[in-house]
Structures are given as structure tokens and as C-alpha cells.
């Protein structure tokens, strides 16, 4: 039994969006990296990248959702 509940397209979107959320404050596009907003965005980005790499989303588990195909 696999615990993975994040599909391929979902993984790609999570990793790309996560990287953008980390880079935006670092490059000064959204907020300064040292601001509260910048820190929150970078943490959210790290979580998205992490869940993308391990193919598991705890929120999906709680609500019983999955973007992974069962083929």
C-alpha cells in the first residue's frame, strides 16, 4: 500500500511554485526576504517543494483527496 497521494502534474506544479515562492523574496520581487511576508512565503515554498518531492500531502490525507492515478 502506497501512501503517495500527489500525482505527477501536481508534483511539478508544487515544485515550480515552491521554487518561485522561495526565489521571489530573495530576489526582491514580492517582499524582502527578511520581512514577515518574505519568511512566510519562503516557508510555504519549502513545504510545497517537500510535499512535491515525497509525493505526499498531509492535507490531502485529511480530506481524503488524491491527485495520483490508481493505474
C-alpha atoms as a PDB file:
ATOM      1  CA  UNK A   1       0.000   0.000   0.000  1.00  0.00           C
ATOM      2  CA  UNK A   2       1.446   3.318  -1.093  1.00  0.00           C
ATOM      3  CA  UNK A   3       0.904   6.450   0.952  1.00  0.00           C
ATOM      4  CA  UNK A   4       1.622   8.717  -2.031  1.00  0.00           C
ATOM      5  CA  UNK A   5      -1.342  10.943  -2.859  1.00  0.00           C
ATOM      6  CA  UNK A   6       0.270  13.568  -5.119  1.00  0.00           C
ATOM      7  CA  UNK A   7       0.220  12.889  -8.861  1.00  0.00           C
ATOM      8  CA  UNK A   8       2.835  13.767 -11.477  1.00  0.00           C
ATOM      9  CA  UNK A   9       1.357  17.065 -12.667  1.00  0.00           C
ATOM     10  CA  UNK A  10       0.630  18.099  -9.069  1.00  0.00           C
ATOM     11  CA  UNK A  11       4.277  17.347  -8.145  1.00  0.00           C
ATOM     12  CA  UNK A  12       5.607  19.507 -10.973  1.00  0.00           C
ATOM     13  CA  UNK A  13       3.299  22.402 -10.073  1.00  0.00           C
ATOM     14  CA  UNK A  14       4.251  22.156  -6.387  1.00  0.00           C
ATOM     15  CA  UNK A  15       7.991  22.155  -7.095  1.00  0.00           C
ATOM     16  CA  UNK A  16       7.852  25.038  -9.595  1.00  0.00           C
ATOM     17  CA  UNK A  17       5.507  27.142  -7.435  1.00  0.00           C
ATOM     18  CA  UNK A  18       7.553  26.353  -4.335  1.00  0.00           C
ATOM     19  CA  UNK A  19      10.751  27.460  -6.037  1.00  0.00           C
ATOM     20  CA  UNK A  20       9.048  30.681  -7.183  1.00  0.00           C
ATOM     21  CA  UNK A  21       7.823  31.385  -3.643  1.00  0.00           C
ATOM     22  CA  UNK A  22      11.338  30.956  -2.285  1.00  0.00           C
ATOM     23  CA  UNK A  23      13.066  32.959  -5.002  1.00  0.00           C
ATOM     24  CA  UNK A  24      10.610  35.884  -5.146  1.00  0.00           C
ATOM     25  CA  UNK A  25      11.522  37.308  -1.708  1.00  0.00           C
ATOM     26  CA  UNK A  26      15.202  36.508  -2.177  1.00  0.00           C
ATOM     27  CA  UNK A  27      15.256  38.468  -5.430  1.00  0.00           C
ATOM     28  CA  UNK A  28      13.057  41.259  -4.046  1.00  0.00           C
ATOM     29  CA  UNK A  29      10.065  40.693  -6.343  1.00  0.00           C
ATOM     30  CA  UNK A  30       7.384  40.364  -3.654  1.00  0.00           C
ATOM     31  CA  UNK A  31       8.814  41.327  -0.282  1.00  0.00           C
ATOM     32  CA  UNK A  32      12.184  41.488   1.380  1.00  0.00           C
ATOM     33  CA  UNK A  33      13.436  38.066   2.465  1.00  0.00           C
ATOM     34  CA  UNK A  34      13.851  39.406   5.999  1.00  0.00           C
ATOM     35  CA  UNK A  35      10.239  40.635   6.226  1.00  0.00           C
ATOM     36  CA  UNK A  36       7.488  38.570   7.817  1.00  0.00           C
ATOM     37  CA  UNK A  37       5.763  38.121   4.461  1.00  0.00           C
ATOM     38  CA  UNK A  38       9.033  37.059   2.840  1.00  0.00           C
ATOM     39  CA  UNK A  39       9.678  34.473   5.540  1.00  0.00           C
ATOM     40  CA  UNK A  40       6.124  33.096   5.317  1.00  0.00           C
ATOM     41  CA  UNK A  41       6.400  32.814   1.526  1.00  0.00           C
ATOM     42  CA  UNK A  42       9.733  31.009   1.752  1.00  0.00           C
ATOM     43  CA  UNK A  43       8.358  28.565   4.342  1.00  0.00           C
ATOM     44  CA  UNK A  44       5.301  27.905   2.159  1.00  0.00           C
ATOM     45  CA  UNK A  45       7.624  27.341  -0.797  1.00  0.00           C
ATOM     46  CA  UNK A  46       9.739  24.887   1.170  1.00  0.00           C
ATOM     47  CA  UNK A  47       6.621  22.950   2.209  1.00  0.00           C
ATOM     48  CA  UNK A  48       5.420  22.777  -1.399  1.00  0.00           C
ATOM     49  CA  UNK A  49       8.804  21.560  -2.610  1.00  0.00           C
ATOM     50  CA  UNK A  50       8.958  18.981   0.190  1.00  0.00           C
ATOM     51  CA  UNK A  51       5.495  17.598  -0.490  1.00  0.00           C
ATOM     52  CA  UNK A  52       6.282  17.555  -4.199  1.00  0.00           C
ATOM     53  CA  UNK A  53       9.443  15.529  -3.732  1.00  0.00           C
ATOM     54  CA  UNK A  54       7.917  12.988  -1.341  1.00  0.00           C
ATOM     55  CA  UNK A  55       4.600  12.787  -3.285  1.00  0.00           C
ATOM     56  CA  UNK A  56       2.593  13.083  -0.099  1.00  0.00           C
ATOM     57  CA  UNK A  57       0.331  15.896   1.092  1.00  0.00           C
ATOM     58  CA  UNK A  58      -0.980  15.662   4.674  1.00  0.00           C
ATOM     59  CA  UNK A  59      -3.926  17.943   3.858  1.00  0.00           C
ATOM     60  CA  UNK A  60      -4.973  15.618   1.031  1.00  0.00           C
ATOM     61  CA  UNK A  61      -4.861  12.726   3.516  1.00  0.00           C
ATOM     62  CA  UNK A  62      -7.078  14.616   5.997  1.00  0.00           C
ATOM     63  CA  UNK A  63      -9.724  15.460   3.391  1.00  0.00           C
ATOM     64  CA  UNK A  64      -9.430  12.119   1.586  1.00  0.00           C
ATOM     65  CA  UNK A  65      -8.232  13.618  -1.696  1.00  0.00           C
ATOM     66  CA  UNK A  66      -5.613  12.394  -4.147  1.00  0.00           C
ATOM     67  CA  UNK A  67      -4.266  13.618  -7.482  1.00  0.00           C
ATOM     68  CA  UNK A  68      -2.441  10.370  -8.113  1.00  0.00           C
ATOM     69  CA  UNK A  69      -3.923   7.993 -10.686  1.00  0.00           C
ATOM     70  CA  UNK A  70      -4.576   4.457  -9.496  1.00  0.00           C
ATOM     71  CA  UNK A  71      -3.390   2.693 -12.636  1.00  0.00           C
END
